[in-house]
Amino acid sequence: MSKLPLSLAIGDYDRIRPIADGTVQIDGVDPVMSILDPEEIFFRAFKFADFDICELSLSSFTVKTAAGNCPYVGIPVFPSRAFRHTSVYIRTDRGIARPEDLKGRRIGVPEYQLTANVWVRMILEEYGVSPADVTWVRGGYEHPDREEKIALALPPEVRLESLPAGQTISSALAEGTLDAVVGPRAPSCFEQGHPHVGRLWEDPIAVASDWYRNHRMFPIMHLLGIRRDVAERHSYLPGALFKTFEEAKSVAMARLSNTAATKVTLPFVEEQLGRARALMGDDFWSYGLEPNRHVLDAFLAAHHAQGLSARRLQPEELFHPASLEVFRL
């Protein structure tokens, strides 16, 4: 019997490569793999539902799921996670020394509803900085006139503007018409060493580690989705996908833990892995609903409070029921 040829679009991660290279296989599926940048995947998935299975922005997925018009249903596989204390870039000549100093400032964002920005706003609220305390300015990092791919109905107190035509948030930060930028990528002016552009937190790893000790949360950025019509036709697939991606992650972690030869082009990988386990435990990149319920619940509460989701979702509502139970011996 021939296997199902299903399209699978996802980023280039070590935890995915065992599927891409055939080491781990999806039961009954011959995946047509597309290894793409997340921005392209999300644009095509939410605009056109291009892919049968794909990586999805947690925030965009939540917006559309709460509205009842999402073409995808989730699988509790989280291809991307990140501590977003690394995601706030500032003008260093504006007297911004603490998060509280962002009040009254103009902050550039590639899209207001991006998952990274939801997490950053959650963090800033701990310092007394609410979304209404700043002016948010939307634009592309390096290409002008980027727009929100998801329609939003924000609270009236949130000020959201667009950059003038032809400008980018990187150039605006470099020129000083923005005071800060928040987003999942570093603006090019920071990467190029602009003398007046830096990070809000000079040691974001230390700050994020303390934040983890206090909250026990490793922020989720993306989840896996399967198009609803595909899941309806092939009811075994949600569970099969969870199993496959869990196996692929286990293979990746075994490879990373093998100290005979470093698998990553970076020194001290083994030592950094040891520090992560000491802080977060062995299964620090967990999949599944229950190990991540508190993370998802905090995100969904903040997402709704920020005016992004039409109603306050519960974690179970994100996922196909068949992906929440696994076979055990």
C-alpha atoms as a PDB file:
ATOM      1  CA  MET A   1       0.000   0.000   0.000  1.00  0.00           C
ATOM      2  CA  SER A   2       1.401   3.407  -0.941  1.00  0.00           C
ATOM      3  CA  LYS A   3       1.997   6.056   1.694  1.00  0.00           C
ATOM      4  CA  LEU A   4       0.204   9.390   1.874  1.00  0.00           C
ATOM      5  CA  PRO A   5       2.177  12.168   0.155  1.00  0.00           C
ATOM      6  CA  LEU A   6       1.619  15.088   2.552  1.00  0.00           C
ATOM      7  CA  SER A   7       3.380  18.440   2.523  1.00  0.00           C
ATOM      8  CA  LEU A   8       5.337  19.294   5.666  1.00  0.00           C
ATOM      9  CA  ALA A   9       6.776  22.798   6.115  1.00  0.00           C
ATOM     10  CA  ILE A  10       9.062  23.499   9.049  1.00  0.00           C
ATOM     11  CA  GLY A  11      12.254  25.289  10.049  1.00  0.00           C
ATOM     12  CA  ASP A  12      15.752  23.834   9.884  1.00  0.00           C
ATOM     13  CA  TYR A  13      16.165  22.526  13.435  1.00  0.00           C
ATOM     14  CA  ASP A  14      18.242  19.670  14.810  1.00  0.00           C
ATOM     15  CA  ARG A  15      15.077  18.262  16.420  1.00  0.00           C
ATOM     16  CA  ILE A  16      13.460  18.043  12.955  1.00  0.00           C
ATOM     17  CA  ARG A  17      16.353  16.665  10.899  1.00  0.00           C
ATOM     18  CA  PRO A  18      15.782  12.997  11.868  1.00  0.00           C
ATOM     19  CA  ILE A  19      12.462  13.283  10.017  1.00  0.00           C
ATOM     20  CA  ALA A  20      13.977  15.146   7.071  1.00  0.00           C
ATOM     21  CA  ASP A  21      16.787  12.599   6.640  1.00  0.00           C
ATOM     22  CA  GLY A  22      14.506   9.579   7.072  1.00  0.00           C
ATOM     23  CA  THR A  23      15.938   8.345  10.379  1.00  0.00           C
ATOM     24  CA  VAL A  24      12.459   8.709  11.899  1.00  0.00           C
ATOM     25  CA  GLN A  25       9.369   8.194   9.763  1.00  0.00           C
ATOM     26  CA  ILE A  26       5.744   9.257  10.093  1.00  0.00           C
ATOM     27  CA  ASP A  27       3.479   6.203  10.065  1.00  0.00           C
ATOM     28  CA  GLY A  28       1.840   5.869   6.656  1.00  0.00           C
ATOM     29  CA  VAL A  29       3.180   9.182   5.332  1.00  0.00           C
ATOM     30  CA  ASP A  30       5.724  10.067   2.667  1.00  0.00           C
ATOM     31  CA  PRO A  31       6.389  13.699   3.651  1.00  0.00           C
ATOM     32  CA  VAL A  32       7.096  16.261   0.965  1.00  0.00           C
ATOM     33  CA  MET A  33       9.436  18.414   3.045  1.00  0.00           C
ATOM     34  CA  SER A  34       9.836  22.172   2.718  1.00  0.00           C
ATOM     35  CA  ILE A  35      12.516  23.596   5.012  1.00  0.00           C
ATOM     36  CA  LEU A  36      11.638  27.290   5.174  1.00  0.00           C
ATOM     37  CA  ASP A  37      12.001  30.365   7.358  1.00  0.00           C
ATOM     38  CA  PRO A  38       9.110  30.653   9.820  1.00  0.00           C
ATOM     39  CA  GLU A  39       7.927  33.967   8.362  1.00  0.00           C
ATOM     40  CA  GLU A  40       7.307  32.361   4.969  1.00  0.00           C
ATOM     41  CA  ILE A  41       5.581  29.335   6.493  1.00  0.00           C
ATOM     42  CA  PHE A  42       3.261  31.481   8.617  1.00  0.00           C
ATOM     43  CA  PHE A  43       2.389  33.823   5.750  1.00  0.00           C
ATOM     44  CA  ARG A  44       1.486  30.966   3.423  1.00  0.00           C
ATOM     45  CA  ALA A  45      -0.270  28.897   6.093  1.00  0.00           C
ATOM     46  CA  PHE A  46      -2.528  31.635   7.449  1.00  0.00           C
ATOM     47  CA  LYS A  47      -3.176  33.326   4.096  1.00  0.00           C
ATOM     48  CA  PHE A  48      -3.649  30.268   1.902  1.00  0.00           C
ATOM     49  CA  ALA A  49      -3.461  27.103   4.094  1.00  0.00           C
ATOM     50  CA  ASP A  50      -0.744  25.935   1.713  1.00  0.00           C
ATOM     51  CA  PHE A  51       0.574  23.013   3.775  1.00  0.00           C
ATOM     52  CA  ASP A  52      -0.925  19.775   5.080  1.00  0.00           C
ATOM     53  CA  ILE A  53       1.317  19.862   8.178  1.00  0.00           C
ATOM     54  CA  CYS A  54       3.410  22.819   9.279  1.00  0.00           C
ATOM     55  CA  GLU A  55       4.984  24.882  11.992  1.00  0.00           C
ATOM     56  CA  LEU A  56       2.712  27.705  13.177  1.00  0.00           C
ATOM     57  CA  SER A  57       3.054  30.880  15.204  1.00  0.00           C
ATOM     58  CA  LEU A  58       1.445  30.253  18.590  1.00  0.00           C
ATOM     59  CA  SER A  59       0.021  33.778  18.683  1.00  0.00           C
ATOM     60  CA  SER A  60      -1.409  33.814  15.152  1.00  0.00           C
ATOM     61  CA  PHE A  61      -2.850  30.347  15.719  1.00  0.00           C
ATOM     62  CA  THR A  62      -4.452  31.529  18.967  1.00  0.00           C
ATOM     63  CA  VAL A  63      -5.994  34.602  17.290  1.00  0.00           C
ATOM     64  CA  LYS A  64      -7.636  32.477  14.615  1.00  0.00           C
ATOM     65  CA  THR A  65      -8.616  29.610  16.920  1.00  0.00           C
ATOM     66  CA  ALA A  66     -10.359  32.004  19.314  1.00  0.00           C
ATOM     67  CA  ALA A  67     -12.158  33.561  16.343  1.00  0.00           C
ATOM     68  CA  GLY A  68     -13.248  30.106  15.122  1.00  0.00           C
ATOM     69  CA  ASN A  69     -11.695  30.424  11.656  1.00  0.00           C
ATOM     70  CA  CYS A  70      -8.346  28.619  11.925  1.00  0.00           C
ATOM     71  CA  PRO A  71      -7.701  26.183   9.056  1.00  0.00           C
ATOM     72  CA  TYR A  72      -5.330  24.189  11.284  1.00  0.00           C
ATOM     73  CA  VAL A  73      -5.641  22.232  14.522  1.00  0.00           C
ATOM     74  CA  GLY A  74      -2.663  21.971  16.847  1.00  0.00           C
ATOM     75  CA  ILE A  75      -0.402  19.112  17.877  1.00  0.00           C
ATOM     76  CA  PRO A  76       1.474  19.674  21.199  1.00  0.00           C
ATOM     77  CA  VAL A  77       4.859  19.669  19.494  1.00  0.00           C
ATOM     78  CA  PHE A  78       6.814  22.906  19.969  1.00  0.00           C
ATOM     79  CA  PRO A  79       9.524  23.343  17.309  1.00  0.00           C
ATOM     80  CA  SER A  80      10.574  26.768  18.601  1.00  0.00           C
ATOM     81  CA  ARG A  81      10.999  28.050  22.146  1.00  0.00           C
ATOM     82  CA  ALA A  82      13.030  31.029  23.360  1.00  0.00           C
ATOM     83  CA  PHE A  83      13.550  33.289  26.329  1.00  0.00           C
ATOM     84  CA  ARG A  84      12.587  36.693  24.990  1.00  0.00           C
ATOM     85  CA  HIS A  85      14.715  38.842  27.277  1.00  0.00           C
ATOM     86  CA  THR A  86      17.032  38.770  24.254  1.00  0.00           C
ATOM     87  CA  SER A  87      14.419  40.456  22.053  1.00  0.00           C
ATOM     88  CA  VAL A  88      14.371  44.087  23.220  1.00  0.00           C
ATOM     89  CA  TYR A  89      16.761  46.466  21.417  1.00  0.00           C
ATOM     90  CA  ILE A  90      17.125  50.094  22.453  1.00  0.00           C
ATOM     91  CA  ARG A  91      18.757  53.381  21.611  1.00  0.00           C
ATOM     92  CA  THR A  92      21.512  53.617  24.201  1.00  0.00           C
ATOM     93  CA  ASP A  93      21.603  57.425  24.005  1.00  0.00           C
ATOM     94  CA  ARG A  94      18.020  57.960  25.273  1.00  0.00           C
ATOM     95  CA  GLY A  95      18.440  57.308  28.989  1.00  0.00           C
ATOM     96  CA  ILE A  96      16.849  53.854  28.793  1.00  0.00           C
ATOM     97  CA  ALA A  97      18.553  51.891  31.548  1.00  0.00           C
ATOM     98  CA  ARG A  98      15.650  49.833  32.934  1.00  0.00           C
ATOM     99  CA  PRO A  99      12.425  48.382  31.548  1.00  0.00           C
ATOM    100  CA  GLU A 100      10.496  51.133  33.326  1.00  0.00           C
ATOM    101  CA  ASP A 101      12.294  53.685  31.137  1.00  0.00           C
ATOM    102  CA  LEU A 102      10.342  52.429  28.117  1.00  0.00           C
ATOM    103  CA  LYS A 103       7.219  54.234  29.281  1.00  0.00           C
ATOM    104  CA  GLY A 104       6.262  56.966  26.830  1.00  0.00           C
ATOM    105  CA  ARG A 105       8.630  55.650  24.157  1.00  0.00           C
ATOM    106  CA  ARG A 106       8.112  54.687  20.519  1.00  0.00           C
ATOM    107  CA  ILE A 107       8.776  50.981  20.055  1.00  0.00           C
ATOM    108  CA  GLY A 108       9.025  49.332  16.648  1.00  0.00           C
ATOM    109  CA  VAL A 109       7.501  45.889  16.031  1.00  0.00           C
ATOM    110  CA  PRO A 110       7.439  43.827  12.822  1.00  0.00           C
ATOM    111  CA  GLU A 111       3.879  42.778  13.780  1.00  0.00           C
ATOM    112  CA  TYR A 112       2.080  43.594  17.011  1.00  0.00           C
ATOM    113  CA  GLN A 113       0.682  40.106  17.521  1.00  0.00           C
ATOM    114  CA  LEU A 114       3.903  38.107  17.048  1.00  0.00           C
ATOM    115  CA  THR A 115       4.392  35.481  19.734  1.00  0.00           C
ATOM    116  CA  ALA A 116       7.734  36.934  20.843  1.00  0.00           C
ATOM    117  CA  ASN A 117       6.059  40.303  21.370  1.00  0.00           C
ATOM    118  CA  VAL A 118       3.282  38.791  23.490  1.00  0.00           C
ATOM    119  CA  TRP A 119       5.918  37.294  25.788  1.00  0.00           C
ATOM    120  CA  VAL A 120       7.901  40.550  25.924  1.00  0.00           C
ATOM    121  CA  ARG A 121       4.798  42.509  26.894  1.00  0.00           C
ATOM    122  CA  MET A 122       4.132  39.926  29.625  1.00  0.00           C
ATOM    123  CA  ILE A 123       7.661  40.486  30.937  1.00  0.00           C
ATOM    124  CA  LEU A 124       7.408  44.278  30.760  1.00  0.00           C
ATOM    125  CA  GLU A 125       4.169  44.248  32.749  1.00  0.00           C
ATOM    126  CA  GLU A 126       6.142  42.744  35.640  1.00  0.00           C
ATOM    127  CA  TYR A 127       8.057  46.029  35.670  1.00  0.00           C
ATOM    128  CA  GLY A 128       4.876  48.101  35.580  1.00  0.00           C
ATOM    129  CA  VAL A 129       5.008  48.822  31.829  1.00  0.00           C
ATOM    130  CA  SER A 130       1.622  48.110  30.227  1.00  0.00           C
ATOM    131  CA  PRO A 131       0.935  47.951  26.478  1.00  0.00           C
ATOM    132  CA  ALA A 132      -0.858  51.303  26.737  1.00  0.00           C
ATOM    133  CA  ASP A 133       2.235  52.993  28.196  1.00  0.00           C
ATOM    134  CA  VAL A 134       4.098  53.122  24.869  1.00  0.00           C
ATOM    135  CA  THR A 135       3.423  53.854  21.217  1.00  0.00           C
ATOM    136  CA  TRP A 136       3.865  50.775  19.036  1.00  0.00           C
ATOM    137  CA  VAL A 137       5.102  51.366  15.500  1.00  0.00           C
ATOM    138  CA  ARG A 138       4.632  48.619  12.951  1.00  0.00           C
ATOM    139  CA  GLY A 139       6.939  47.953   9.993  1.00  0.00           C
ATOM    140  CA  GLY A 140       9.244  45.448   8.318  1.00  0.00           C
ATOM    141  CA  TYR A 141      12.672  44.747   9.752  1.00  0.00           C
ATOM    142  CA  GLU A 142      14.491  45.278   6.458  1.00  0.00           C
ATOM    143  CA  HIS A 143      11.672  45.544   3.909  1.00  0.00           C
ATOM    144  CA  PRO A 144       9.220  48.444   4.119  1.00  0.00           C
ATOM    145  CA  ASP A 145       5.443  48.259   4.334  1.00  0.00           C
ATOM    146  CA  ARG A 146       5.128  44.921   6.141  1.00  0.00           C
ATOM    147  CA  GLU A 147       1.580  44.501   7.449  1.00  0.00           C
ATOM    148  CA  GLU A 148      -0.094  42.335  10.061  1.00  0.00           C
ATOM    149  CA  LYS A 149      -0.961  39.015   8.444  1.00  0.00           C
ATOM    150  CA  ILE A 150      -3.755  38.519  11.012  1.00  0.00           C
ATOM    151  CA  ALA A 151      -6.573  41.052  11.404  1.00  0.00           C
ATOM    152  CA  LEU A 152      -6.632  42.508  14.934  1.00  0.00           C
ATOM    153  CA  ALA A 153      -9.186  44.383  17.044  1.00  0.00           C
ATOM    154  CA  LEU A 154      -7.003  45.934  19.736  1.00  0.00           C
ATOM    155  CA  PRO A 155      -8.218  47.737  22.876  1.00  0.00           C
ATOM    156  CA  PRO A 156      -8.744  51.478  22.228  1.00  0.00           C
ATOM    157  CA  GLU A 157      -6.015  52.462  24.692  1.00  0.00           C
ATOM    158  CA  VAL A 158      -3.326  50.667  22.650  1.00  0.00           C
ATOM    159  CA  ARG A 159      -1.604  53.055  20.239  1.00  0.00           C
ATOM    160  CA  LEU A 160      -0.451  51.255  17.099  1.00  0.00           C
ATOM    161  CA  GLU A 161       0.961  53.225  14.167  1.00  0.00           C
ATOM    162  CA  SER A 162       2.654  52.284  10.914  1.00  0.00           C
ATOM    163  CA  LEU A 163       6.026  53.552   9.787  1.00  0.00           C
ATOM    164  CA  PRO A 164       5.982  56.063   6.945  1.00  0.00           C
ATOM    165  CA  ALA A 165       6.090  54.427   3.506  1.00  0.00           C
ATOM    166  CA  GLY A 166       9.546  53.267   2.527  1.00  0.00           C
ATOM    167  CA  GLN A 167      10.967  53.062   6.050  1.00  0.00           C
ATOM    168  CA  THR A 168      11.994  49.987   8.060  1.00  0.00           C
ATOM    169  CA  ILE A 169      12.185  49.529  11.797  1.00  0.00           C
ATOM    170  CA  SER A 170      15.914  48.820  11.558  1.00  0.00           C
ATOM    171  CA  SER A 171      16.584  52.081   9.723  1.00  0.00           C
ATOM    172  CA  ALA A 172      14.249  54.000  12.045  1.00  0.00           C
ATOM    173  CA  LEU A 173      16.081  52.671  15.103  1.00  0.00           C
ATOM    174  CA  ALA A 174      19.430  53.563  13.544  1.00  0.00           C
ATOM    175  CA  GLU A 175      18.205  57.071  12.666  1.00  0.00           C
ATOM    176  CA  GLY A 176      16.647  57.572  16.095  1.00  0.00           C
ATOM    177  CA  THR A 177      12.984  57.986  15.131  1.00  0.00           C
ATOM    178  CA  LEU A 178      12.323  54.874  17.227  1.00  0.00           C
ATOM    179  CA  ASP A 179      13.493  54.456  20.812  1.00  0.00           C
ATOM    180  CA  ALA A 180      13.407  50.664  20.812  1.00  0.00           C
ATOM    181  CA  VAL A 181      12.498  47.575  18.773  1.00  0.00           C
ATOM    182  CA  VAL A 182      10.862  44.378  20.015  1.00  0.00           C
ATOM    183  CA  GLY A 183      10.776  41.253  17.882  1.00  0.00           C
ATOM    184  CA  PRO A 184      12.058  37.725  17.298  1.00  0.00           C
ATOM    185  CA  ARG A 185      15.000  38.839  15.154  1.00  0.00           C
ATOM    186  CA  ALA A 186      17.742  41.357  15.829  1.00  0.00           C
ATOM    187  CA  PRO A 187      17.502  44.464  13.622  1.00  0.00           C
ATOM    188  CA  SER A 188      20.421  44.708  11.197  1.00  0.00           C
ATOM    189  CA  CYS A 189      21.643  47.963  12.747  1.00  0.00           C
ATOM    190  CA  PHE A 190      22.313  46.023  15.976  1.00  0.00           C
ATOM    191  CA  GLU A 191      24.071  43.188  14.147  1.00  0.00           C
ATOM    192  CA  GLN A 192      26.204  45.718  12.278  1.00  0.00           C
ATOM    193  CA  GLY A 193      27.343  47.310  15.544  1.00  0.00           C
ATOM    194  CA  HIS A 194      25.571  50.675  15.440  1.00  0.00           C
ATOM    195  CA  PRO A 195      27.214  52.762  18.208  1.00  0.00           C
ATOM    196  CA  HIS A 196      23.899  53.817  19.778  1.00  0.00           C
ATOM    197  CA  VAL A 197      21.949  50.555  19.530  1.00  0.00           C
ATOM    198  CA  GLY A 198      22.127  47.848  22.188  1.00  0.00           C
ATOM    199  CA  ARG A 199      20.051  45.423  24.220  1.00  0.00           C
ATOM    200  CA  LEU A 200      17.789  46.517  27.062  1.00  0.00           C
ATOM    201  CA  TRP A 201      19.281  43.809  29.262  1.00  0.00           C
ATOM    202  CA  GLU A 202      23.058  43.686  28.864  1.00  0.00           C
ATOM    203  CA  ASP A 203      23.142  40.110  30.213  1.00  0.00           C
ATOM    204  CA  PRO A 204      19.825  38.645  28.996  1.00  0.00           C
ATOM    205  CA  ILE A 205      20.891  35.072  29.820  1.00  0.00           C
ATOM    206  CA  ALA A 206      21.295  35.901  33.508  1.00  0.00           C
ATOM    207  CA  VAL A 207      17.996  37.816  33.629  1.00  0.00           C
ATOM    208  CA  ALA A 208      16.137  35.058  31.760  1.00  0.00           C
ATOM    209  CA  SER A 209      17.616  32.380  34.044  1.00  0.00           C
ATOM    210  CA  ASP A 210      16.346  34.252  37.109  1.00  0.00           C
ATOM    211  CA  TRP A 211      12.975  34.670  35.402  1.00  0.00           C
ATOM    212  CA  TYR A 212      12.827  30.909  34.800  1.00  0.00           C
ATOM    213  CA  ARG A 213      13.635  30.179  38.444  1.00  0.00           C
ATOM    214  CA  ASN A 214      10.733  32.415  39.460  1.00  0.00           C
ATOM    215  CA  HIS A 215       8.177  31.236  36.868  1.00  0.00           C
ATOM    216  CA  ARG A 216       9.362  27.769  35.756  1.00  0.00           C
ATOM    217  CA  MET A 217       8.374  28.639  32.178  1.00  0.00           C
ATOM    218  CA  PHE A 218      10.341  28.099  28.964  1.00  0.00           C
ATOM    219  CA  PRO A 219       8.344  30.273  26.532  1.00  0.00           C
ATOM    220  CA  ILE A 220       6.754  28.488  23.584  1.00  0.00           C
ATOM    221  CA  MET A 221       6.971  30.312  20.255  1.00  0.00           C
ATOM    222  CA  HIS A 222       5.640  27.842  17.677  1.00  0.00           C
ATOM    223  CA  LEU A 223       3.545  24.692  17.592  1.00  0.00           C
ATOM    224  CA  LEU A 224       2.871  22.034  14.987  1.00  0.00           C
ATOM    225  CA  GLY A 225      -0.387  22.212  13.054  1.00  0.00           C
ATOM    226  CA  ILE A 226      -2.271  19.852  10.766  1.00  0.00           C
ATOM    227  CA  ARG A 227      -4.860  21.197   8.359  1.00  0.00           C
ATOM    228  CA  ARG A 228      -8.317  20.361   9.657  1.00  0.00           C
ATOM    229  CA  ASP A 229      -9.531  18.677   6.500  1.00  0.00           C
ATOM    230  CA  VAL A 230      -6.468  16.403   6.498  1.00  0.00           C
ATOM    231  CA  ALA A 231      -7.003  15.456  10.150  1.00  0.00           C
ATOM    232  CA  GLU A 232     -10.659  14.700   9.442  1.00  0.00           C
ATOM    233  CA  ARG A 233      -9.778  12.397   6.531  1.00  0.00           C
ATOM    234  CA  HIS A 234      -6.956  10.619   8.384  1.00  0.00           C
ATOM    235  CA  SER A 235      -7.923  10.429  12.036  1.00  0.00           C
ATOM    236  CA  TYR A 236      -4.780   8.510  13.055  1.00  0.00           C
ATOM    237  CA  LEU A 237      -2.454  11.294  11.920  1.00  0.00           C
ATOM    238  CA  PRO A 238      -2.509  13.661  14.939  1.00  0.00           C
ATOM    239  CA  GLY A 239      -1.347  10.894  17.266  1.00  0.00           C
ATOM    240  CA  ALA A 240       1.156   9.593  14.726  1.00  0.00           C
ATOM    241  CA  LEU A 241       2.645  13.047  14.279  1.00  0.00           C
ATOM    242  CA  PHE A 242       3.103  13.544  18.013  1.00  0.00           C
ATOM    243  CA  LYS A 243       4.858  10.188  18.291  1.00  0.00           C
ATOM    244  CA  THR A 244       7.143  10.900  15.327  1.00  0.00           C
ATOM    245  CA  PHE A 245       8.223  14.354  16.461  1.00  0.00           C
ATOM    246  CA  GLU A 246       8.854  13.074  19.990  1.00  0.00           C
ATOM    247  CA  GLU A 247      11.081  10.334  18.560  1.00  0.00           C
ATOM    248  CA  ALA A 248      12.908  12.835  16.345  1.00  0.00           C
ATOM    249  CA  LYS A 249      13.617  15.087  19.315  1.00  0.00           C
ATOM    250  CA  SER A 250      14.980  12.110  21.278  1.00  0.00           C
ATOM    251  CA  VAL A 251      17.351  11.305  18.412  1.00  0.00           C
ATOM    252  CA  ALA A 252      18.510  14.935  18.264  1.00  0.00           C
ATOM    253  CA  MET A 253      19.142  15.049  22.018  1.00  0.00           C
ATOM    254  CA  ALA A 254      21.109  11.784  21.892  1.00  0.00           C
ATOM    255  CA  ARG A 255      23.266  13.218  19.117  1.00  0.00           C
ATOM    256  CA  LEU A 256      23.782  16.453  21.021  1.00  0.00           C
ATOM    257  CA  SER A 257      24.727  14.580  24.189  1.00  0.00           C
ATOM    258  CA  ASN A 258      27.377  12.482  22.422  1.00  0.00           C
ATOM    259  CA  THR A 259      30.599  14.203  23.469  1.00  0.00           C
ATOM    260  CA  ALA A 260      32.896  12.160  21.229  1.00  0.00           C
ATOM    261  CA  ALA A 261      32.591  14.839  18.549  1.00  0.00           C
ATOM    262  CA  THR A 262      30.730  18.139  18.794  1.00  0.00           C
ATOM    263  CA  LYS A 263      27.633  18.157  16.576  1.00  0.00           C
ATOM    264  CA  VAL A 264      27.260  21.945  16.583  1.00  0.00           C
ATOM    265  CA  THR A 265      29.738  24.440  15.159  1.00  0.00           C
ATOM    266  CA  LEU A 266      30.204  26.148  18.497  1.00  0.00           C
ATOM    267  CA  PRO A 267      32.630  25.592  21.384  1.00  0.00           C
ATOM    268  CA  PHE A 268      31.472  24.562  24.875  1.00  0.00           C
ATOM    269  CA  VAL A 269      28.240  23.023  23.592  1.00  0.00           C
ATOM    270  CA  GLU A 270      28.431  20.157  26.115  1.00  0.00           C
ATOM    271  CA  GLU A 271      28.996  22.587  28.976  1.00  0.00           C
ATOM    272  CA  GLN A 272      26.065  24.756  27.902  1.00  0.00           C
ATOM    273  CA  LEU A 273      23.873  21.661  27.653  1.00  0.00           C
ATOM    274  CA  GLY A 274      24.872  20.755  31.202  1.00  0.00           C
ATOM    275  CA  ARG A 275      23.951  24.244  32.449  1.00  0.00           C
ATOM    276  CA  ALA A 276      20.552  24.064  30.757  1.00  0.00           C
ATOM    277  CA  ARG A 277      19.827  20.701  32.397  1.00  0.00           C
ATOM    278  CA  ALA A 278      20.974  21.977  35.785  1.00  0.00           C
ATOM    279  CA  LEU A 279      18.573  24.919  35.500  1.00  0.00           C
ATOM    280  CA  MET A 280      15.592  23.287  33.767  1.00  0.00           C
ATOM    281  CA  GLY A 281      15.886  19.522  34.133  1.00  0.00           C
ATOM    282  CA  ASP A 282      16.672  16.807  31.607  1.00  0.00           C
ATOM    283  CA  ASP A 283      13.530  17.241  29.484  1.00  0.00           C
ATOM    284  CA  PHE A 284      13.853  21.007  29.179  1.00  0.00           C
ATOM    285  CA  TRP A 285      12.355  21.031  25.650  1.00  0.00           C
ATOM    286  CA  SER A 286       9.235  19.053  26.503  1.00  0.00           C
ATOM    287  CA  TYR A 287       6.378  18.236  24.159  1.00  0.00           C
ATOM    288  CA  GLY A 288       2.839  17.338  25.195  1.00  0.00           C
ATOM    289  CA  LEU A 289       0.068  19.266  26.914  1.00  0.00           C
ATOM    290  CA  GLU A 290       0.548  18.364  30.567  1.00  0.00           C
ATOM    291  CA  PRO A 291       4.254  19.281  30.936  1.00  0.00           C
ATOM    292  CA  ASN A 292       3.461  22.608  29.256  1.00  0.00           C
ATOM    293  CA  ARG A 293       0.000  23.365  30.601  1.00  0.00           C
ATOM    294  CA  HIS A 294       1.210  26.162  32.901  1.00  0.00           C
ATOM    295  CA  VAL A 295       3.214  27.785  30.080  1.00  0.00           C
ATOM    296  CA  LEU A 296       0.301  27.667  27.656  1.00  0.00           C
ATOM    297  CA  ASP A 297      -2.180  28.845  30.281  1.00  0.00           C
ATOM    298  CA  ALA A 298      -0.045  31.880  31.134  1.00  0.00           C
ATOM    299  CA  PHE A 299       0.362  32.701  27.445  1.00  0.00           C
ATOM    300  CA  LEU A 300      -3.344  32.368  26.681  1.00  0.00           C
ATOM    301  CA  ALA A 301      -4.278  34.561  29.640  1.00  0.00           C
ATOM    302  CA  ALA A 302      -1.851  37.283  28.520  1.00  0.00           C
ATOM    303  CA  HIS A 303      -2.896  36.948  24.887  1.00  0.00           C
ATOM    304  CA  HIS A 304      -6.522  37.614  25.789  1.00  0.00           C
ATOM    305  CA  ALA A 305      -5.629  40.383  28.259  1.00  0.00           C
ATOM    306  CA  GLN A 306      -3.622  42.110  25.507  1.00  0.00           C
ATOM    307  CA  GLY A 307      -6.735  42.164  23.330  1.00  0.00           C
ATOM    308  CA  LEU A 308      -5.426  39.705  20.739  1.00  0.00           C
ATOM    309  CA  SER A 309      -7.837  36.783  21.172  1.00  0.00           C
ATOM    310  CA  ALA A 310     -11.590  37.236  21.018  1.00  0.00           C
ATOM    311  CA  ARG A 311     -12.070  34.969  24.025  1.00  0.00           C
ATOM    312  CA  ARG A 312      -9.886  33.406  26.673  1.00  0.00           C
ATOM    313  CA  LEU A 313      -8.936  29.963  25.376  1.00  0.00           C
ATOM    314  CA  GLN A 314      -8.065  26.984  27.541  1.00  0.00           C
ATOM    315  CA  PRO A 315      -4.951  24.959  26.600  1.00  0.00           C
ATOM    316  CA  GLU A 316      -6.983  21.903  25.531  1.00  0.00           C
ATOM    317  CA  GLU A 317      -8.753  23.946  22.866  1.00  0.00           C
ATOM    318  CA  LEU A 318      -5.530  24.351  20.904  1.00  0.00           C
ATOM    319  CA  PHE A 319      -4.973  20.667  20.172  1.00  0.00           C
ATOM    320  CA  HIS A 320      -6.537  17.747  18.378  1.00  0.00           C
ATOM    321  CA  PRO A 321      -7.797  15.302  21.052  1.00  0.00           C
ATOM    322  CA  ALA A 322      -6.029  12.366  19.387  1.00  0.00           C
ATOM    323  CA  SER A 323      -2.667  14.068  19.941  1.00  0.00           C
ATOM    324  CA  LEU A 324      -3.138  14.289  23.720  1.00  0.00           C
ATOM    325  CA  GLU A 325      -2.972  10.580  24.525  1.00  0.00           C
ATOM    326  CA  VAL A 326       0.056   8.402  23.816  1.00  0.00           C
ATOM    327  CA  PHE A 327       0.638   4.647  23.796  1.00  0.00           C
ATOM    328  CA  ARG A 328       2.704   3.340  26.699  1.00  0.00           C
ATOM    329  CA  LEU A 329       3.962  -0.162  27.470  1.00  0.00           C
END
